[in-house]
Protein backbone atom coordinates (compact mmCIF):
# COMPACT_ATOMS: atom_id res chain seq x y z
CA MET A 1 13.32 -64.81 94.94
CA ASP A 2 11.78 -63.02 97.85
CA MET A 3 12.55 -62.62 100.99
CA TYR A 4 11.08 -66.13 102.07
CA GLY A 5 12.38 -67.97 99.19
CA ARG A 6 9.89 -68.31 97.17
CA HIS A 7 10.02 -67.42 93.33
CA THR A 8 8.42 -63.99 92.24
CA GLY A 9 7.02 -64.02 89.39
CA ASP A 10 8.82 -61.33 87.82
CA GLY A 11 8.42 -61.38 84.58
CA GLN A 12 5.75 -63.67 84.57
CA GLU A 13 2.18 -64.39 85.93
CA PRO A 14 2.61 -63.25 90.16
CA LEU A 15 1.75 -65.72 92.51
CA TYR A 16 -0.95 -66.12 93.75
CA GLU A 17 -2.22 -65.35 97.15
CA SER A 18 -5.65 -65.93 98.68
CA LEU A 19 -7.70 -62.67 99.98
CA MET A 20 -8.16 -64.82 102.69
CA ASN A 21 -5.38 -63.51 103.72
CA ASP A 22 -6.04 -60.26 105.91
CA VAL A 23 -3.20 -58.59 104.50
CA LEU A 24 -3.71 -58.95 101.13
CA PHE A 25 -8.14 -57.92 101.92
CA HIS A 26 -7.24 -55.13 103.54
CA MET A 27 -4.90 -54.10 100.59
CA VAL A 28 -6.86 -54.54 98.67
CA PHE A 29 -10.39 -52.46 99.84
CA THR A 30 -7.85 -49.88 100.87
CA GLU A 31 -6.73 -49.30 97.14
CA ASN A 32 -9.29 -49.72 95.02
CA SER A 33 -12.73 -47.98 96.33
CA LEU A 34 -14.18 -50.05 93.58
CA ALA A 35 -13.79 -53.67 94.35
CA LEU A 36 -14.30 -51.79 98.15
CA ARG A 37 -18.44 -50.28 97.24
CA GLY A 38 -19.11 -53.62 95.79
CA LEU A 39 -18.77 -55.41 98.84
CA ILE A 40 -20.04 -52.71 100.74
CA SER A 41 -23.18 -53.53 98.47
CA SER A 42 -23.15 -57.07 98.62
CA LEU A 43 -22.94 -57.22 101.89
CA LEU A 44 -25.40 -54.39 103.51
CA ASP A 45 -27.59 -55.86 99.74
CA ILE A 46 -27.56 -51.63 99.42
CA PRO A 47 -27.13 -51.02 95.52
CA GLU A 48 -24.26 -49.12 94.57
CA SER A 49 -25.65 -46.10 93.42
CA GLU A 50 -26.95 -45.42 97.69
CA ILE A 51 -23.26 -45.32 98.11
CA GLU A 52 -21.79 -41.32 97.90
CA GLU A 53 -18.82 -41.80 100.35
CA ILE A 54 -16.89 -44.00 101.95
CA THR A 55 -13.89 -43.40 104.12
CA VAL A 56 -11.02 -45.59 105.40
CA LEU A 57 -10.25 -44.88 108.62
CA ASN A 58 -7.23 -47.19 109.15
CA PRO A 59 -5.35 -47.26 105.85
CA MET A 60 -2.23 -48.33 106.44
CA GLN A 61 1.35 -47.86 104.65
CA TYR A 62 2.68 -50.90 103.94
CA THR A 63 5.91 -49.69 102.59
CA ASP A 64 7.03 -50.01 106.01
CA ALA A 65 8.68 -52.23 107.83
CA PHE A 66 5.40 -54.37 108.52
CA ASP A 67 4.40 -55.72 111.41
CA ALA A 68 3.52 -59.29 110.28
CA LYS A 69 1.91 -60.13 114.47
CA LEU A 70 -1.30 -61.60 114.29
CA THR A 71 -2.97 -58.73 115.91
CA VAL A 72 -6.64 -57.78 114.32
CA LEU A 73 -6.30 -56.12 111.26
CA ASP A 74 -9.79 -54.95 109.67
CA LEU A 75 -10.56 -52.34 107.44
CA ARG A 76 -13.05 -49.84 109.61
CA VAL A 77 -15.42 -47.72 107.17
CA HIS A 78 -17.39 -44.73 107.72
CA LEU A 79 -19.92 -44.84 105.35
CA ASN A 80 -21.95 -41.80 103.72
CA ARG A 81 -21.36 -40.31 107.12
CA ASP A 82 -24.06 -42.58 108.82
CA ARG A 83 -23.08 -45.75 109.67
CA TYR A 84 -20.10 -47.13 110.51
CA LEU A 85 -18.39 -50.73 109.17
CA ASN A 86 -15.96 -52.89 110.80
CA ILE A 87 -14.94 -55.62 108.35
CA GLU A 88 -12.77 -57.94 108.73
CA MET A 89 -11.01 -61.25 107.62
CA GLN A 90 -11.33 -63.81 109.91
CA VAL A 91 -9.62 -67.32 109.37
CA ARG A 92 -8.65 -68.22 113.23
CA ARG A 93 -10.70 -69.45 115.81
CA PHE A 94 -10.53 -66.82 118.73
CA PRO A 95 -11.98 -68.42 122.14
CA ASN A 96 -15.05 -65.78 123.56
CA TRP A 97 -15.07 -64.57 119.82
CA THR A 98 -18.26 -62.92 120.22
CA ASN A 99 -17.18 -61.19 123.63
CA ARG A 100 -14.66 -60.19 121.58
CA SER A 101 -16.79 -58.98 118.28
CA ILE A 102 -18.75 -56.41 120.76
CA VAL A 103 -16.24 -54.94 122.63
CA TYR A 104 -14.60 -53.93 119.48
CA SER A 105 -17.84 -52.78 118.18
CA CYS A 106 -18.39 -51.01 121.96
CA ARG A 107 -15.02 -49.25 121.45
CA GLN A 108 -16.63 -47.53 118.08
CA ILE A 109 -19.72 -46.60 119.77
CA VAL A 110 -17.82 -45.08 122.73
CA ASP A 111 -15.37 -43.12 120.39
CA GLN A 112 -18.47 -41.84 119.16
CA SER A 113 -19.83 -40.33 122.39
CA ASN A 114 -16.74 -38.80 123.07
CA ALA A 115 -16.25 -36.45 119.94
CA GLU A 116 -17.31 -33.13 121.10
CA GLY A 117 -21.01 -31.82 121.36
CA PHE A 118 -22.04 -35.28 121.39
CA GLU A 119 -25.77 -35.71 121.82
CA TYR A 120 -27.26 -38.88 121.89
CA GLY A 121 -29.62 -38.75 118.79
CA GLN A 122 -26.54 -37.71 116.80
CA LEU A 123 -25.41 -41.94 117.60
CA GLU A 124 -25.19 -43.64 114.47
CA PRO A 125 -25.04 -47.65 113.70
CA VAL A 126 -21.48 -49.69 113.91
CA ILE A 127 -22.17 -53.14 111.96
CA HIS A 128 -19.60 -55.46 112.61
CA ILE A 129 -18.91 -57.85 109.66
CA ALA A 130 -17.21 -60.73 110.01
CA ILE A 131 -15.58 -63.21 106.93
CA MET A 132 -14.87 -66.59 108.20
CA ASP A 133 -13.82 -69.54 107.11
CA HIS A 134 -15.19 -71.39 109.94
CA THR A 135 -18.43 -71.61 112.07
CA LEU A 136 -19.13 -69.68 114.86
CA PHE A 137 -22.30 -71.25 116.03
CA SER A 138 -22.23 -75.27 115.06
CA ASP A 139 -25.70 -76.05 115.77
CA HIS A 140 -26.58 -72.73 113.34
CA ARG A 141 -24.91 -73.27 110.57
CA ARG A 142 -25.97 -70.29 108.07
CA PHE A 143 -23.83 -69.14 104.93
CA PHE A 144 -24.73 -65.69 106.11
CA THR A 145 -26.90 -64.11 109.15
CA ARG A 146 -27.51 -60.79 110.53
CA TYR A 147 -27.77 -60.50 114.22
CA ALA A 148 -29.96 -57.53 115.87
CA ILE A 149 -30.62 -56.18 119.39
CA GLN A 150 -34.46 -56.69 119.53
CA ASP A 151 -37.03 -59.00 120.95
CA ARG A 152 -38.28 -62.46 121.26
CA GLU A 153 -40.57 -61.17 118.30
CA GLY A 154 -38.23 -59.52 116.60
CA TYR A 155 -39.15 -56.43 117.65
CA PRO A 156 -36.08 -54.01 116.73
CA TYR A 157 -34.71 -52.18 120.82
CA SER A 158 -32.08 -50.58 118.32
CA ASP A 159 -30.00 -50.43 114.71
CA LYS A 160 -27.05 -48.95 116.35
CA LEU A 161 -25.09 -52.29 117.14
CA GLN A 162 -25.22 -55.31 114.08
CA PHE A 163 -23.21 -58.17 113.89
CA TYR A 164 -23.23 -60.00 110.37
CA VAL A 165 -21.54 -63.50 109.86
CA MET A 166 -20.48 -64.85 106.73
CA ASP A 167 -19.47 -68.87 107.03
CA LEU A 168 -17.39 -69.90 104.00
CA THR A 169 -17.60 -73.47 104.51
CA ALA A 170 -21.32 -72.81 104.22
CA VAL A 171 -21.62 -71.23 100.56
CA SER A 172 -23.17 -74.05 99.36
CA GLY A 173 -26.17 -73.01 101.67
CA ALA A 174 -27.00 -70.15 100.19
CA SER A 175 -30.53 -68.55 99.35
CA ASP A 176 -31.22 -67.06 96.30
CA GLN A 177 -31.28 -63.73 97.34
CA GLU A 178 -27.70 -63.97 98.75
CA ALA A 179 -27.07 -65.20 95.44
CA ARG A 180 -28.99 -62.23 93.98
CA GLN A 181 -26.78 -59.93 96.17
CA GLY A 182 -23.60 -61.16 95.13
CA LEU A 183 -22.08 -62.87 98.25
CA VAL A 184 -21.86 -65.99 96.97
CA GLU A 185 -19.58 -65.04 94.16
CA TRP A 186 -17.51 -63.22 96.80
CA ALA A 187 -16.94 -66.32 98.65
CA ASP A 188 -15.67 -67.73 95.86
CA ALA A 189 -13.56 -64.80 94.99
CA PHE A 190 -12.03 -65.03 98.93
CA THR A 191 -11.82 -69.10 98.43
CA ALA A 192 -10.53 -69.10 95.02
CA LYS A 193 -6.19 -71.17 94.68
CA GLY A 194 -4.99 -69.25 92.05
CA TRP A 195 -5.48 -66.81 89.43
CA GLU A 196 -7.68 -68.83 86.50
CA GLN A 197 -10.42 -69.76 89.39
CA VAL A 198 -10.66 -66.42 91.00
CA GLN A 199 -10.83 -64.63 87.23
CA SER A 200 -13.23 -66.68 86.19
CA ILE A 201 -15.97 -65.11 88.32
CA ASP A 202 -18.05 -62.81 86.87
CA ASN A 203 -19.04 -59.92 88.89
CA PRO A 204 -17.45 -55.95 87.94
CA ALA A 205 -16.03 -55.41 91.82
CA VAL A 206 -14.75 -58.60 92.11
CA LYS A 207 -12.58 -58.09 88.76
CA GLU A 208 -11.73 -55.20 90.42
CA ALA A 209 -10.32 -56.66 93.13
CA VAL A 210 -8.65 -59.07 90.51
CA LYS A 211 -6.95 -56.45 88.92
CA GLN A 212 -5.56 -55.22 92.50
CA MET A 213 -4.56 -58.54 93.94
CA ARG A 214 -2.43 -58.95 90.22
CA VAL A 215 -1.18 -54.80 91.76
CA ILE A 216 -0.24 -55.73 94.95
CA MET A 217 1.44 -59.49 93.80
CA SER A 218 3.91 -57.41 91.51
CA THR A 219 4.48 -55.16 94.02
CA PRO A 220 8.18 -56.71 95.82
CA GLU A 221 7.10 -54.51 98.83
CA GLN A 222 3.67 -55.05 99.72
CA ARG A 223 3.93 -58.32 98.35
CA ASP A 224 6.65 -59.03 101.23
CA ALA A 225 4.01 -58.20 103.68
CA VAL A 226 1.44 -60.95 102.23
CA TRP A 227 4.07 -63.14 102.80
CA ALA A 228 4.83 -62.29 106.16
CA ARG A 229 1.67 -62.51 107.33
CA ARG A 230 1.17 -65.91 105.82
CA MET A 231 3.97 -67.27 107.62
CA ALA A 232 3.07 -65.59 110.90
CA GLU A 233 -0.20 -67.67 110.14
CA ILE A 234 2.21 -71.07 109.76
CA ASP A 235 3.99 -70.57 112.66
CA TYR A 236 1.10 -70.21 114.97
CA ARG A 237 -0.85 -72.62 113.63
CA SER A 238 1.77 -74.90 114.26
CA ILE A 239 2.49 -73.84 117.59
CA MET A 240 -1.09 -74.53 118.50
CA SER A 241 -0.84 -77.99 116.93
CA HIS A 242 2.12 -78.68 118.57
CA GLU A 243 0.10 -77.26 121.86
CA ARG A 244 -2.82 -79.34 121.36
CA LYS A 245 -0.48 -82.94 120.70
CA GLU A 246 1.54 -81.86 124.12
CA GLY A 247 -2.05 -81.36 125.89
CA ARG A 248 -2.93 -84.57 124.96
CA ALA A 249 0.34 -86.07 125.58
CA GLU A 250 0.31 -84.46 128.73
CA GLY A 251 -2.94 -86.41 129.69
CA ARG A 252 -1.88 -89.89 129.39
CA ALA A 253 1.22 -89.34 131.04
CA GLU A 254 -0.50 -87.36 133.82
CA GLY A 255 1.21 -88.61 137.45
CA ARG A 256 4.71 -89.02 135.87
CA ALA A 257 7.85 -87.61 137.42
CA GLU A 258 7.23 -84.55 138.58
CA GLY A 259 10.13 -83.41 137.56
CA ARG A 260 8.22 -83.48 133.62
CA ALA A 261 5.38 -81.17 135.21
CA GLU A 262 8.68 -78.69 135.66
CA GLY A 263 9.89 -79.16 132.33
CA ARG A 264 5.88 -78.73 130.65
CA ASN A 265 6.02 -76.14 132.43
CA GLU A 266 8.64 -74.26 131.21
CA GLU A 267 7.86 -75.53 128.06
CA ARG A 268 4.22 -73.64 128.50
CA ALA A 269 6.16 -70.76 128.89
CA ASP A 270 8.18 -71.05 125.97
CA ILE A 271 4.25 -71.40 123.76
CA ALA A 272 3.37 -68.13 125.75
CA ARG A 273 6.20 -66.86 125.14
CA ARG A 274 6.33 -67.23 120.59
CA LEU A 275 2.35 -66.24 120.99
CA LYS A 276 3.62 -63.30 122.39
CA ASP A 277 5.52 -62.36 119.78
CA LEU A 278 3.00 -63.28 118.06
CA GLY A 279 0.55 -60.10 118.79
CA ILE A 280 -1.76 -63.12 120.11
CA PRO A 281 -3.75 -61.47 123.32
CA ILE A 282 -3.12 -62.21 127.10
CA GLN A 283 -6.09 -63.33 127.93
CA ASP A 284 -6.60 -66.05 124.82
CA ILE A 285 -2.65 -67.13 125.68
CA ALA A 286 -3.71 -67.82 128.86
CA GLN A 287 -6.46 -69.91 127.89
CA VAL A 288 -4.42 -72.20 125.69
CA THR A 289 -1.35 -72.25 127.93
CA GLY A 290 -3.05 -72.67 131.48
CA LEU A 291 -0.79 -69.90 132.82
CA SER A 292 -2.04 -67.17 134.90
CA GLU A 293 -2.28 -63.90 132.39
CA GLY A 294 -0.01 -62.29 135.29
CA ASP A 295 2.69 -65.24 134.96
CA ILE A 296 2.64 -64.22 130.76
CA LEU A 297 2.92 -60.76 130.84
CA SER A 298 5.89 -60.90 133.16
CA LEU A 299 7.49 -63.24 130.52
């Protein structure tokens, strides 16, 4: 058994974990360049032959004591020395997610401008790619969408800031072109529920990813890091569910004993502490609990 009481699968089929686990996602595409090359080819709709150089800018040492807190774990890539990609597996709904993605992308632009000898003509595009298990805009549900800066007639202002969103829940609406470029196969790989299902996908890059998944889930240190992340996700979802239920109960009991209100404030503070321990951004904790950012910081 592993540190979480799970059978490790040693000597037999390794335990399966979905690529929607962002730690596993990061491991697979950091460690297997063929899988990463194929994924980028599909996401950007470019031939693999045009991918000459891939540099992962944020590799991680998984054998060290791994921080399973729910901080953002994107995969930052410099492609062909002429564009930056931020690829993230996003399975949590963040308040103001679009604003957050803009801030993250603009940081990459600022980082470029801070380089010694920088000139405006040297600015390289930054493409933020989010793979989501939910729909970002309920009134605009699409499987794969590219957002760019342009006017009302579609004339581009600049290509330096772009946002791609893959909605895994909308794969049934994929176009023929999206299927041809391999996006449907990748979506199937991300949402596969077991080894048999993911191994049935006939895509060379996906097969490389699956091969790397097996290696990772057979390596104790890496497997423990993957499970730690999963447990942190479960804790987070449990806290959020509890908070929603308590919020509804509070609404029904509004106006009751003042002592209960005081107890409620203590409970909010406790939830805020637990969310801080999971690495949730302060502004998100404030929105969930109703506490001020100053109060949360002082906990």
